[in-house]
Amino acid sequence: MKKSEMVQIITLLAGNYEDIANKSQTQREMMLNTWQECLGDLDYNLVLQAVKKTIIESPYPPTIHEVRKNAIEEKVADELQS
């Protein structure tokens, strides 16, 4: 995933979770860099779906672990259906 795509993911999260929206610019940059390092190997659409799933299911911002787990589960489910 490209960094510009990760910016879209973080923006989506900030639009849905006040804790993320209220972070300082430095904190958001650190979050962006960390998420890119930990999730950048995954496909943008998989991560987007995983984040949307969390937004629907939880009032709390997702962790990298939750997003990665949901993305991998989605990928495995897609592969099993193919």
C-alpha atoms as a PDB file:
ATOM      1  CA  MET A   1       0.000   0.000   0.000  1.00  0.00           C
ATOM      2  CA  LYS A   2       1.189   3.473  -0.822  1.00  0.00           C
ATOM      3  CA  LYS A   3       1.646   6.092   1.875  1.00  0.00           C
ATOM      4  CA  SER A   4      -1.012   8.266   0.210  1.00  0.00           C
ATOM      5  CA  GLU A   5      -3.479   5.402   0.628  1.00  0.00           C
ATOM      6  CA  MET A   6      -2.552   5.095   4.289  1.00  0.00           C
ATOM      7  CA  VAL A   7      -3.272   8.824   4.660  1.00  0.00           C
ATOM      8  CA  GLN A   8      -6.794   8.053   3.415  1.00  0.00           C
ATOM      9  CA  ILE A   9      -7.138   5.262   6.006  1.00  0.00           C
ATOM     10  CA  ILE A  10      -6.005   7.541   8.852  1.00  0.00           C
ATOM     11  CA  THR A  11      -8.327  10.296   7.600  1.00  0.00           C
ATOM     12  CA  LEU A  12     -11.234   7.845   7.633  1.00  0.00           C
ATOM     13  CA  LEU A  13     -10.366   6.856  11.195  1.00  0.00           C
ATOM     14  CA  ALA A  14     -10.066  10.499  12.271  1.00  0.00           C
ATOM     15  CA  GLY A  15     -13.495  11.192  10.811  1.00  0.00           C
ATOM     16  CA  ASN A  16     -15.000   8.456  12.948  1.00  0.00           C
ATOM     17  CA  TYR A  17     -13.010   8.545  16.170  1.00  0.00           C
ATOM     18  CA  GLU A  18     -12.545  11.728  18.178  1.00  0.00           C
ATOM     19  CA  ASP A  19      -9.409  10.362  19.880  1.00  0.00           C
ATOM     20  CA  ILE A  20      -7.652  10.213  16.527  1.00  0.00           C
ATOM     21  CA  ALA A  21      -9.068  13.500  15.263  1.00  0.00           C
ATOM     22  CA  ASN A  22      -7.763  15.300  18.352  1.00  0.00           C
ATOM     23  CA  LYS A  23      -4.178  14.101  17.993  1.00  0.00           C
ATOM     24  CA  SER A  24      -1.529  16.731  17.368  1.00  0.00           C
ATOM     25  CA  GLN A  25       0.130  16.936  13.960  1.00  0.00           C
ATOM     26  CA  THR A  26       3.219  15.186  15.363  1.00  0.00           C
ATOM     27  CA  GLN A  27       1.123  12.373  16.845  1.00  0.00           C
ATOM     28  CA  ARG A  28      -0.742  11.904  13.552  1.00  0.00           C
ATOM     29  CA  GLU A  29       2.529  11.739  11.630  1.00  0.00           C
ATOM     30  CA  MET A  30       3.851   9.148  14.081  1.00  0.00           C
ATOM     31  CA  MET A  31       0.624   7.166  13.710  1.00  0.00           C
ATOM     32  CA  LEU A  32       0.818   7.370   9.926  1.00  0.00           C
ATOM     33  CA  ASN A  33       4.429   6.172   9.889  1.00  0.00           C
ATOM     34  CA  THR A  34       3.772   3.336  12.340  1.00  0.00           C
ATOM     35  CA  TRP A  35       0.677   2.135  10.527  1.00  0.00           C
ATOM     36  CA  GLN A  36       2.501   2.312   7.199  1.00  0.00           C
ATOM     37  CA  GLU A  37       5.375   0.239   8.586  1.00  0.00           C
ATOM     38  CA  CYS A  38       3.041  -2.366  10.084  1.00  0.00           C
ATOM     39  CA  LEU A  39       0.326  -2.539   7.413  1.00  0.00           C
ATOM     40  CA  GLY A  40       2.027  -1.255   4.272  1.00  0.00           C
ATOM     41  CA  ASP A  41       2.582  -4.761   2.941  1.00  0.00           C
ATOM     42  CA  LEU A  42      -1.175  -5.350   2.744  1.00  0.00           C
ATOM     43  CA  ASP A  43      -3.480  -4.375  -0.094  1.00  0.00           C
ATOM     44  CA  TYR A  44      -5.211  -1.017   0.369  1.00  0.00           C
ATOM     45  CA  ASN A  45      -8.696  -2.419  -0.244  1.00  0.00           C
ATOM     46  CA  LEU A  46      -8.195  -5.181   2.327  1.00  0.00           C
ATOM     47  CA  VAL A  47      -7.097  -2.668   4.962  1.00  0.00           C
ATOM     48  CA  LEU A  48      -9.944  -0.319   4.031  1.00  0.00           C
ATOM     49  CA  GLN A  49     -12.496  -3.114   4.481  1.00  0.00           C
ATOM     50  CA  ALA A  50     -10.910  -4.130   7.789  1.00  0.00           C
ATOM     51  CA  VAL A  51     -11.073  -0.546   9.069  1.00  0.00           C
ATOM     52  CA  LYS A  52     -14.687  -0.151   7.946  1.00  0.00           C
ATOM     53  CA  LYS A  53     -15.573  -3.398   9.713  1.00  0.00           C
ATOM     54  CA  THR A  54     -14.100  -2.046  12.933  1.00  0.00           C
ATOM     55  CA  ILE A  55     -15.907   1.286  12.538  1.00  0.00           C
ATOM     56  CA  ILE A  56     -19.197  -0.591  12.230  1.00  0.00           C
ATOM     57  CA  GLU A  57     -18.510  -2.975  15.104  1.00  0.00           C
ATOM     58  CA  SER A  58     -16.675  -0.897  17.706  1.00  0.00           C
ATOM     59  CA  PRO A  59     -17.007   2.531  19.299  1.00  0.00           C
ATOM     60  CA  TYR A  60     -13.243   2.445  19.933  1.00  0.00           C
ATOM     61  CA  PRO A  61     -10.441   3.076  17.420  1.00  0.00           C
ATOM     62  CA  PRO A  62      -8.870  -0.114  16.092  1.00  0.00           C
ATOM     63  CA  THR A  63      -5.367  -1.238  16.869  1.00  0.00           C
ATOM     64  CA  ILE A  64      -2.925  -2.241  14.172  1.00  0.00           C
ATOM     65  CA  HIS A  65      -3.368  -5.811  15.396  1.00  0.00           C
ATOM     66  CA  GLU A  66      -7.145  -5.685  14.890  1.00  0.00           C
ATOM     67  CA  VAL A  67      -6.882  -4.192  11.422  1.00  0.00           C
ATOM     68  CA  ARG A  68      -4.216  -6.672  10.329  1.00  0.00           C
ATOM     69  CA  LYS A  69      -6.192  -9.620  11.752  1.00  0.00           C
ATOM     70  CA  ASN A  70      -9.408  -8.511  10.033  1.00  0.00           C
ATOM     71  CA  ALA A  71      -7.604  -7.896   6.733  1.00  0.00           C
ATOM     72  CA  ILE A  72      -5.975 -11.322   6.761  1.00  0.00           C
ATOM     73  CA  GLU A  73      -9.275 -13.006   7.687  1.00  0.00           C
ATOM     74  CA  GLU A  74     -10.936 -11.201   4.773  1.00  0.00           C
ATOM     75  CA  LYS A  75      -8.172 -12.317   2.404  1.00  0.00           C
ATOM     76  CA  VAL A  76      -8.438 -15.948   3.517  1.00  0.00           C
ATOM     77  CA  ALA A  77     -12.228 -15.863   3.141  1.00  0.00           C
ATOM     78  CA  ASP A  78     -11.900 -14.445  -0.376  1.00  0.00           C
ATOM     79  CA  GLU A  79      -9.374 -17.115  -1.321  1.00  0.00           C
ATOM     80  CA  LEU A  80     -11.616 -19.890  -0.011  1.00  0.00           C
ATOM     81  CA  GLN A  81     -14.521 -18.578  -2.092  1.00  0.00           C
ATOM     82  CA  SER A  82     -12.405 -18.459  -5.270  1.00  0.00           C
END
